[in-house]
Amino acid sequence: MMLDVQELSVAFTDRQEPFTAVDKFSLQMDRGEIVGIVGESGSGKSMTAHALMGLIPRSRAAVTGRALFEGVDLLPLPREALRQYQGRDLSIIFQEPMTSLNPTMRIGKQVEEALFIHGKLSPGERKAKALAAMELAGLPDPEGLYRQYPHQLSGGMRQRVMIAAALVLRPRLLIADEPTTALDVTIQAQILDTLKDINRQEGTAILFISHDLGVVKALCSRVVVMKQGRIVETGPAEQVFHHPREDYTKLLIASRPSRKKLRGGGEHE
């Protein structure tokens, strides 16, 4: 087993009244598996991802439970030790690339950034790895894009840059936190195809977080449904989508817009 999360909880302590954002979340993932976490805004799904990546400031929140990555519990690791896993073994793609990418830095240098932290490579070696990651992320003409700035790219291209930056060290687990939310359905489908290709070619496990059930259904083999910080249902995607057990899951599925509405009448489900 690659990832074994046991009763992960995130309780914010920097408020007048403590607030539990994630309550005893548990999940097991094998190598090469694609698992989706779905739920409404505020359900705790993104907070779960940030806790696994060590991105929640310890001064603000108490993160408890266990998150074993190939047998090593990530949660209590000192910051310096945790950095050895971030990017190299686990990496994350965020929702909005324009807030994550540096507008003053060329694309190639941003893709290379993780290579400065992990390993001593020559400029030529870093560039070669960056171009390979950009190609893997489906970016056309990586050599030309290498010298461009984020504002010169479309939203879909910027998201692919984020994917390339997350993949440059070939992590074993990729956490995708709402990576297609800001994109139109055509670009969204292309990004999903890219993630499938990465999973198939590299064997990269993907933890895909979204409020869009249609996207999760198209990509994931297993689904976790969250509400108010807790898991309410989990199981194979086919079972959860076609034979949901919980009322909340049924409500989510019933409120999901159809492909017909999304594509202006071109396709039903």
Protein backbone atom coordinates (compact mmCIF):
# COMPACT_ATOMS: atom_id res chain seq x y z
CA MET A 1 0.00 0.00 0.00
CA MET A 2 1.39 3.38 -1.02
CA LEU A 3 -0.76 5.72 1.09
CA ASP A 4 -2.56 4.86 4.33
CA VAL A 5 -4.40 7.75 5.96
CA GLN A 6 -5.80 6.94 9.39
CA GLU A 7 -8.32 9.22 11.12
CA LEU A 8 -6.82 12.45 9.81
CA SER A 9 -8.32 15.48 11.56
CA VAL A 10 -7.70 19.20 11.06
CA ALA A 11 -8.89 21.52 13.84
CA PHE A 12 -8.24 25.25 13.55
CA THR A 13 -7.19 26.69 16.89
CA ASP A 14 -6.56 30.32 15.91
CA ARG A 15 -10.22 31.32 16.39
CA GLN A 16 -12.35 32.17 19.36
CA GLU A 17 -14.08 28.83 18.91
CA PRO A 18 -12.03 25.90 17.51
CA PHE A 19 -13.31 24.68 14.14
CA THR A 20 -12.86 21.12 12.87
CA ALA A 21 -12.45 21.22 9.07
CA VAL A 22 -11.60 17.51 8.65
CA ASP A 23 -12.91 14.91 11.08
CA LYS A 24 -11.33 11.42 11.18
CA PHE A 25 -10.71 11.02 7.46
CA SER A 26 -9.30 7.61 6.46
CA LEU A 27 -8.17 6.43 3.02
CA GLN A 28 -5.92 3.77 1.53
CA MET A 29 -4.41 4.06 -1.95
CA ASP A 30 -2.29 1.66 -3.98
CA ARG A 31 0.34 2.61 -6.54
CA GLY A 32 -1.13 3.73 -9.84
CA GLU A 33 -4.67 4.10 -8.48
CA ILE A 34 -6.92 7.09 -9.24
CA VAL A 35 -9.22 8.05 -6.36
CA GLY A 36 -11.67 10.96 -6.28
CA ILE A 37 -12.83 13.03 -3.33
CA VAL A 38 -16.12 14.84 -3.94
CA GLY A 39 -18.30 17.14 -1.90
CA GLU A 40 -19.75 20.63 -1.79
CA SER A 41 -17.69 23.72 -1.04
CA GLY A 42 -16.62 23.60 2.60
CA SER A 43 -16.84 19.81 2.82
CA GLY A 44 -13.18 19.54 3.82
CA LYS A 45 -11.88 17.91 0.65
CA SER A 46 -9.25 20.56 -0.18
CA MET A 47 -8.25 20.87 3.47
CA THR A 48 -7.58 17.12 3.45
CA ALA A 49 -5.26 17.53 0.47
CA HIS A 50 -3.41 20.44 2.06
CA ALA A 51 -2.96 18.49 5.29
CA LEU A 52 -1.47 15.53 3.39
CA MET A 53 0.95 17.87 1.63
CA GLY A 54 1.94 19.60 4.88
CA LEU A 55 0.63 22.96 3.66
CA ILE A 56 -1.43 23.90 6.71
CA PRO A 57 0.49 26.24 9.09
CA ARG A 58 1.05 24.39 12.35
CA SER A 59 0.52 27.61 14.29
CA ARG A 60 -3.05 27.80 13.01
CA ALA A 61 -4.30 24.23 13.20
CA ALA A 62 -3.86 20.95 15.01
CA VAL A 63 -3.40 18.16 12.43
CA THR A 64 -3.82 14.75 14.05
CA GLY A 65 -4.09 11.12 12.96
CA ARG A 66 -1.61 9.38 10.67
CA ALA A 67 -0.69 9.73 7.00
CA LEU A 68 1.64 6.88 6.11
CA PHE A 69 3.38 7.27 2.76
CA GLU A 70 5.10 3.96 2.04
CA GLY A 71 5.30 3.38 5.78
CA VAL A 72 6.52 6.86 6.82
CA ASP A 73 4.08 9.05 8.79
CA LEU A 74 4.23 12.48 7.13
CA LEU A 75 2.22 14.39 9.73
CA PRO A 76 4.76 14.68 12.57
CA LEU A 77 7.80 15.19 10.33
CA PRO A 78 9.83 18.38 10.89
CA ARG A 79 9.50 20.88 8.04
CA GLU A 80 12.94 20.12 6.65
CA ALA A 81 12.27 16.38 6.54
CA LEU A 82 8.82 16.91 5.00
CA ARG A 83 10.34 19.00 2.20
CA GLN A 84 12.23 15.93 1.03
CA TYR A 85 8.87 14.34 0.17
CA GLN A 86 7.13 17.43 -1.24
CA GLY A 87 7.55 17.54 -5.00
CA ARG A 88 9.74 14.45 -5.17
CA ASP A 89 7.29 11.80 -3.90
CA LEU A 90 4.05 13.76 -3.52
CA SER A 91 3.08 16.77 -5.59
CA ILE A 92 -0.01 18.97 -5.90
CA ILE A 93 -1.79 20.84 -8.70
CA PHE A 94 -3.87 23.79 -7.53
CA GLN A 95 -7.13 25.15 -8.91
CA GLU A 96 -6.07 28.56 -10.22
CA PRO A 97 -2.70 28.74 -11.96
CA MET A 98 -2.64 32.54 -12.18
CA THR A 99 -2.42 32.77 -8.39
CA SER A 100 0.15 29.96 -8.21
CA LEU A 101 2.42 30.95 -11.09
CA ASN A 102 4.83 33.87 -10.73
CA PRO A 103 3.87 36.47 -13.39
CA THR A 104 7.44 37.82 -13.53
CA MET A 105 9.18 34.47 -14.09
CA ARG A 106 9.48 32.59 -17.37
CA ILE A 107 7.55 29.33 -17.69
CA GLY A 108 10.61 27.12 -17.97
CA LYS A 109 12.17 28.40 -14.76
CA GLN A 110 8.93 27.82 -12.87
CA VAL A 111 8.71 24.23 -14.08
CA GLU A 112 12.33 23.75 -13.00
CA GLU A 113 11.77 25.18 -9.51
CA ALA A 114 11.46 21.83 -7.70
CA LEU A 115 14.73 20.70 -9.30
CA PHE A 116 16.61 23.38 -7.37
CA ILE A 117 15.34 21.95 -4.08
CA HIS A 118 15.92 18.27 -4.88
CA GLY A 119 19.30 17.45 -6.35
CA LYS A 120 22.23 19.26 -7.90
CA LEU A 121 21.79 19.43 -11.64
CA SER A 122 23.45 21.54 -14.29
CA PRO A 123 21.34 24.21 -16.05
CA GLY A 124 21.23 21.98 -19.12
CA GLU A 125 20.02 18.97 -17.13
CA ARG A 126 17.33 21.06 -15.44
CA LYS A 127 16.12 22.38 -18.77
CA ALA A 128 16.00 18.89 -20.29
CA LYS A 129 13.89 17.61 -17.38
CA ALA A 130 11.60 20.66 -17.57
CA LEU A 131 11.04 20.20 -21.31
CA ALA A 132 10.30 16.48 -20.80
CA ALA A 133 7.74 17.33 -18.08
CA MET A 134 6.12 19.96 -20.32
CA GLU A 135 5.83 17.41 -23.11
CA LEU A 136 4.33 14.87 -20.70
CA ALA A 137 1.78 17.50 -19.62
CA GLY A 138 0.67 17.87 -23.24
CA LEU A 139 2.16 21.31 -23.91
CA PRO A 140 2.88 21.95 -27.59
CA ASP A 141 6.31 23.37 -28.50
CA PRO A 142 7.86 23.11 -25.02
CA GLU A 143 11.05 24.81 -26.27
CA GLY A 144 9.12 27.91 -27.34
CA LEU A 145 6.92 28.00 -24.24
CA TYR A 146 9.98 27.63 -22.01
CA ARG A 147 10.85 31.29 -22.61
CA GLN A 148 7.32 32.71 -22.30
CA TYR A 149 5.51 34.26 -19.32
CA PRO A 150 2.21 33.08 -17.77
CA HIS A 151 0.17 36.01 -19.16
CA GLN A 152 1.09 34.92 -22.70
CA LEU A 153 -0.67 31.57 -22.26
CA SER A 154 -4.34 30.56 -22.24
CA GLY A 155 -6.00 29.25 -19.06
CA GLY A 156 -5.74 25.65 -20.26
CA MET A 157 -2.06 26.07 -21.15
CA ARG A 158 -1.31 27.61 -17.74
CA GLN A 159 -2.97 24.63 -16.07
CA ARG A 160 -0.76 22.32 -18.11
CA VAL A 161 2.27 24.30 -16.89
CA MET A 162 1.11 23.61 -13.33
CA ILE A 163 0.85 19.91 -14.18
CA ALA A 164 4.35 19.97 -15.71
CA ALA A 165 5.77 21.65 -12.60
CA ALA A 166 4.09 19.01 -10.42
CA LEU A 167 5.49 16.19 -12.59
CA VAL A 168 9.06 17.38 -13.13
CA LEU A 169 10.39 15.10 -10.35
CA ARG A 170 8.14 12.20 -11.39
CA PRO A 171 6.25 11.94 -8.06
CA ARG A 172 4.54 8.69 -7.14
CA LEU A 173 1.40 10.48 -5.89
CA LEU A 174 -0.16 13.49 -7.60
CA ILE A 175 -2.84 15.40 -5.70
CA ALA A 176 -5.06 17.41 -8.05
CA ASP A 177 -7.10 20.00 -6.14
CA GLU A 178 -9.96 21.19 -8.39
CA PRO A 179 -7.58 21.45 -11.37
CA THR A 180 -10.30 21.84 -14.04
CA THR A 181 -12.84 24.06 -12.26
CA ALA A 182 -11.91 27.31 -14.03
CA LEU A 183 -11.79 25.73 -17.51
CA ASP A 184 -14.50 25.27 -20.13
CA VAL A 185 -15.73 21.74 -20.75
CA THR A 186 -13.62 21.16 -23.87
CA ILE A 187 -10.35 22.14 -22.18
CA GLN A 188 -11.49 20.28 -19.06
CA ALA A 189 -11.82 17.07 -21.08
CA GLN A 190 -8.33 17.57 -22.54
CA ILE A 191 -6.82 18.00 -19.06
CA LEU A 192 -8.58 14.83 -17.87
CA ASP A 193 -7.18 12.92 -20.86
CA THR A 194 -3.72 14.23 -19.98
CA LEU A 195 -4.05 13.01 -16.39
CA LYS A 196 -5.18 9.59 -17.63
CA ASP A 197 -2.18 9.44 -19.96
CA ILE A 198 0.19 10.36 -17.11
CA ASN A 199 -1.35 7.67 -14.93
CA ARG A 200 -1.03 5.09 -17.70
CA GLN A 201 2.48 6.02 -18.88
CA GLU A 202 4.12 6.83 -15.55
CA GLY A 203 2.08 4.72 -13.12
CA THR A 204 1.45 7.88 -11.09
CA ALA A 205 -1.28 7.54 -8.47
CA ILE A 206 -3.73 10.45 -8.52
CA LEU A 207 -5.90 11.80 -5.72
CA PHE A 208 -8.41 13.94 -7.60
CA ILE A 209 -10.45 16.48 -5.64
CA SER A 210 -13.53 18.10 -7.17
CA HIS A 211 -17.11 19.20 -6.57
CA ASP A 212 -17.91 18.10 -10.15
CA LEU A 213 -19.22 14.55 -10.05
CA GLY A 214 -19.11 14.19 -13.83
CA VAL A 215 -15.38 14.88 -13.90
CA VAL A 216 -14.72 12.43 -11.07
CA LYS A 217 -16.83 9.75 -12.73
CA ALA A 218 -14.84 10.13 -15.96
CA LEU A 219 -11.47 9.78 -14.26
CA CYS A 220 -11.60 7.83 -11.01
CA SER A 221 -11.94 4.16 -10.18
CA ARG A 222 -12.90 4.82 -6.56
CA VAL A 223 -14.75 7.71 -4.90
CA VAL A 224 -14.89 9.25 -1.43
CA VAL A 225 -17.87 11.51 -0.66
CA MET A 226 -17.36 14.17 2.03
CA LYS A 227 -19.75 16.40 3.93
CA GLN A 228 -18.84 18.85 6.69
CA GLY A 229 -15.39 17.36 7.13
CA ARG A 230 -16.52 13.74 7.36
CA ILE A 231 -16.65 10.83 4.92
CA VAL A 232 -20.28 9.91 4.31
CA GLU A 233 -19.77 7.27 1.61
CA THR A 234 -16.94 5.54 -0.21
CA GLY A 235 -16.66 2.78 -2.80
CA PRO A 236 -16.01 1.94 -6.46
CA ALA A 237 -17.09 4.80 -8.74
CA GLU A 238 -19.69 2.69 -10.54
CA GLN A 239 -21.30 1.69 -7.27
CA VAL A 240 -21.33 5.18 -5.77
CA PHE A 241 -22.71 6.84 -8.90
CA HIS A 242 -25.26 4.20 -9.89
CA HIS A 243 -26.23 2.71 -6.53
CA PRO A 244 -25.51 5.35 -3.86
CA ARG A 245 -26.37 4.30 -0.31
CA GLU A 246 -26.47 7.64 1.47
CA ASP A 247 -29.10 10.37 1.04
CA TYR A 248 -26.42 13.05 0.75
CA THR A 249 -24.75 11.21 -2.16
CA LYS A 250 -28.13 10.80 -3.86
CA LEU A 251 -28.72 14.53 -3.46
CA LEU A 252 -25.34 15.39 -5.00
CA ILE A 253 -25.98 13.13 -7.98
CA ALA A 254 -29.51 14.47 -8.47
CA SER A 255 -28.28 18.08 -8.45
CA ARG A 256 -25.53 17.44 -10.98
CA PRO A 257 -26.07 19.23 -14.32
CA SER A 258 -26.44 16.89 -17.28
CA ARG A 259 -24.03 16.74 -20.20
CA LYS A 260 -26.91 18.03 -22.32
CA LYS A 261 -27.00 21.28 -20.36
CA LEU A 262 -23.22 21.57 -20.29
CA ARG A 263 -22.78 21.06 -24.00
CA GLY A 264 -25.87 22.80 -25.26
CA GLY A 265 -27.81 19.65 -26.10
CA GLY A 266 -25.04 17.67 -27.76
CA GLU A 267 -24.82 14.72 -25.37
CA HIS A 268 -26.99 12.99 -22.81
CA GLU A 269 -26.08 10.79 -19.89
